[in-house]
């Protein structure tokens, strides 16, 4: 492995967590958040993130480079493309039945 491929970066949060811990509920500015009503909650769904599997996969270098150039979160975007493909194939198969 090259030094480039083994190098990792840690993302630093710009959030002032200590200031947030000291805030009371009254200190929170809700002015830019729309109010919710019964209609909203009637159709609300709980989102549970799916478990991720760590694996090693060989991809064309230009494909990986393209995703990386899109910025942080390239692995998440690659996963989204793969998920979209899986859903399209599953949908096509279920329509044939």
C-alpha atoms as a PDB file:
ATOM      1  CA  UNK A   1       0.000   0.000   0.000  1.00  0.00           C
ATOM      2  CA  UNK A   2       1.147   3.489  -0.722  1.00  0.00           C
ATOM      3  CA  UNK A   3       1.373   6.165   1.930  1.00  0.00           C
ATOM      4  CA  UNK A   4      -1.468   7.963   0.167  1.00  0.00           C
ATOM      5  CA  UNK A   5      -3.894   5.057   0.594  1.00  0.00           C
ATOM      6  CA  UNK A   6      -3.097   4.480   4.268  1.00  0.00           C
ATOM      7  CA  UNK A   7      -3.344   8.118   5.306  1.00  0.00           C
ATOM      8  CA  UNK A   8      -6.474   8.959   7.297  1.00  0.00           C
ATOM      9  CA  UNK A   9      -7.992  12.280   8.192  1.00  0.00           C
ATOM     10  CA  UNK A  10     -10.119  12.908  11.215  1.00  0.00           C
ATOM     11  CA  UNK A  11     -12.990  15.325  10.866  1.00  0.00           C
ATOM     12  CA  UNK A  12     -13.125  17.926  13.579  1.00  0.00           C
ATOM     13  CA  UNK A  13     -16.529  19.169  14.588  1.00  0.00           C
ATOM     14  CA  UNK A  14     -17.001  22.920  14.568  1.00  0.00           C
ATOM     15  CA  UNK A  15     -19.818  22.540  17.104  1.00  0.00           C
ATOM     16  CA  UNK A  16     -19.253  24.134  20.493  1.00  0.00           C
ATOM     17  CA  UNK A  17     -20.470  21.122  22.467  1.00  0.00           C
ATOM     18  CA  UNK A  18     -19.727  22.689  25.856  1.00  0.00           C
ATOM     19  CA  UNK A  19     -21.894  25.720  25.045  1.00  0.00           C
ATOM     20  CA  UNK A  20     -24.704  23.399  23.936  1.00  0.00           C
ATOM     21  CA  UNK A  21     -24.493  21.380  27.163  1.00  0.00           C
ATOM     22  CA  UNK A  22     -24.967  24.585  29.162  1.00  0.00           C
ATOM     23  CA  UNK A  23     -28.032  25.681  27.153  1.00  0.00           C
ATOM     24  CA  UNK A  24     -31.506  25.245  28.569  1.00  0.00           C
ATOM     25  CA  UNK A  25     -34.501  24.414  26.377  1.00  0.00           C
ATOM     26  CA  UNK A  26     -35.588  28.069  26.634  1.00  0.00           C
ATOM     27  CA  UNK A  27     -32.290  29.159  25.054  1.00  0.00           C
ATOM     28  CA  UNK A  28     -32.942  27.211  21.839  1.00  0.00           C
ATOM     29  CA  UNK A  29     -34.045  29.322  18.863  1.00  0.00           C
ATOM     30  CA  UNK A  30     -36.896  27.517  17.099  1.00  0.00           C
ATOM     31  CA  UNK A  31     -37.819  30.440  14.814  1.00  0.00           C
ATOM     32  CA  UNK A  32     -36.552  28.758  11.635  1.00  0.00           C
ATOM     33  CA  UNK A  33     -38.196  25.385  12.339  1.00  0.00           C
ATOM     34  CA  UNK A  34     -41.775  24.918  11.084  1.00  0.00           C
ATOM     35  CA  UNK A  35     -44.318  23.735  13.617  1.00  0.00           C
ATOM     36  CA  UNK A  36     -45.620  20.193  13.250  1.00  0.00           C
ATOM     37  CA  UNK A  37     -49.251  19.157  13.421  1.00  0.00           C
ATOM     38  CA  UNK A  38     -51.216  15.907  13.727  1.00  0.00           C
ATOM     39  CA  UNK A  39     -51.042  15.370   9.945  1.00  0.00           C
ATOM     40  CA  UNK A  40     -47.234  15.424  10.089  1.00  0.00           C
ATOM     41  CA  UNK A  41     -47.065  12.916  12.943  1.00  0.00           C
ATOM     42  CA  UNK A  42     -49.663  10.627  11.338  1.00  0.00           C
ATOM     43  CA  UNK A  43     -47.303   9.940   8.434  1.00  0.00           C
ATOM     44  CA  UNK A  44     -43.987  10.196  10.334  1.00  0.00           C
ATOM     45  CA  UNK A  45     -41.701   7.179  10.206  1.00  0.00           C
ATOM     46  CA  UNK A  46     -38.836   6.168  12.467  1.00  0.00           C
ATOM     47  CA  UNK A  47     -35.552   5.939  10.572  1.00  0.00           C
ATOM     48  CA  UNK A  48     -33.191   3.262  11.846  1.00  0.00           C
ATOM     49  CA  UNK A  49     -29.800   3.331  10.110  1.00  0.00           C
ATOM     50  CA  UNK A  50     -28.793   0.051   8.533  1.00  0.00           C
ATOM     51  CA  UNK A  51     -25.729  -1.764   9.821  1.00  0.00           C
ATOM     52  CA  UNK A  52     -22.674  -1.338   7.610  1.00  0.00           C
ATOM     53  CA  UNK A  53     -20.315  -4.115   6.570  1.00  0.00           C
ATOM     54  CA  UNK A  54     -16.616  -3.395   6.293  1.00  0.00           C
ATOM     55  CA  UNK A  55     -15.108  -4.983   3.199  1.00  0.00           C
ATOM     56  CA  UNK A  56     -12.324  -4.673   0.708  1.00  0.00           C
ATOM     57  CA  UNK A  57     -13.445  -4.249  -2.889  1.00  0.00           C
ATOM     58  CA  UNK A  58     -11.515  -3.543  -6.077  1.00  0.00           C
ATOM     59  CA  UNK A  59     -12.909  -0.648  -8.097  1.00  0.00           C
ATOM     60  CA  UNK A  60     -11.586   1.180 -11.130  1.00  0.00           C
ATOM     61  CA  UNK A  61      -9.318   3.997 -10.006  1.00  0.00           C
ATOM     62  CA  UNK A  62     -11.082   6.623 -12.128  1.00  0.00           C
ATOM     63  CA  UNK A  63     -14.444   5.713 -10.581  1.00  0.00           C
ATOM     64  CA  UNK A  64     -13.117   6.088  -7.029  1.00  0.00           C
ATOM     65  CA  UNK A  65     -11.334   9.331  -7.963  1.00  0.00           C
ATOM     66  CA  UNK A  66     -14.573  10.755  -9.373  1.00  0.00           C
ATOM     67  CA  UNK A  67     -16.501  10.003  -6.188  1.00  0.00           C
ATOM     68  CA  UNK A  68     -13.695  11.433  -4.035  1.00  0.00           C
ATOM     69  CA  UNK A  69     -13.686  14.655  -6.076  1.00  0.00           C
ATOM     70  CA  UNK A  70     -17.331  15.157  -5.116  1.00  0.00           C
ATOM     71  CA  UNK A  71     -16.152  15.854  -1.569  1.00  0.00           C
ATOM     72  CA  UNK A  72     -16.570  14.291   1.862  1.00  0.00           C
ATOM     73  CA  UNK A  73     -19.046  11.447   2.068  1.00  0.00           C
ATOM     74  CA  UNK A  74     -17.928   9.718  -1.122  1.00  0.00           C
ATOM     75  CA  UNK A  75     -18.370   6.244   0.401  1.00  0.00           C
ATOM     76  CA  UNK A  76     -21.920   7.138   1.425  1.00  0.00           C
ATOM     77  CA  UNK A  77     -22.633   8.286  -2.140  1.00  0.00           C
ATOM     78  CA  UNK A  78     -21.147   5.081  -3.552  1.00  0.00           C
ATOM     79  CA  UNK A  79     -23.418   3.120  -1.205  1.00  0.00           C
ATOM     80  CA  UNK A  80     -26.417   5.179  -2.384  1.00  0.00           C
ATOM     81  CA  UNK A  81     -25.637   4.372  -6.035  1.00  0.00           C
ATOM     82  CA  UNK A  82     -25.365   0.668  -5.234  1.00  0.00           C
ATOM     83  CA  UNK A  83     -28.594   0.756  -3.192  1.00  0.00           C
ATOM     84  CA  UNK A  84     -30.397   2.481  -6.073  1.00  0.00           C
ATOM     85  CA  UNK A  85     -29.217  -0.259  -8.437  1.00  0.00           C
ATOM     86  CA  UNK A  86     -30.353  -3.011  -6.059  1.00  0.00           C
ATOM     87  CA  UNK A  87     -33.787  -1.399  -5.673  1.00  0.00           C
ATOM     88  CA  UNK A  88     -34.163  -0.967  -9.447  1.00  0.00           C
ATOM     89  CA  UNK A  89     -33.301  -4.620 -10.109  1.00  0.00           C
ATOM     90  CA  UNK A  90     -35.608  -5.814  -7.317  1.00  0.00           C
ATOM     91  CA  UNK A  91     -38.420  -3.629  -8.633  1.00  0.00           C
ATOM     92  CA  UNK A  92     -37.958  -4.921 -12.190  1.00  0.00           C
ATOM     93  CA  UNK A  93     -38.005  -8.521 -10.962  1.00  0.00           C
ATOM     94  CA  UNK A  94     -41.164  -8.007  -8.893  1.00  0.00           C
ATOM     95  CA  UNK A  95     -42.952  -6.395 -11.863  1.00  0.00           C
ATOM     96  CA  UNK A  96     -42.218  -9.448 -14.032  1.00  0.00           C
ATOM     97  CA  UNK A  97     -44.018 -11.760 -11.597  1.00  0.00           C
END
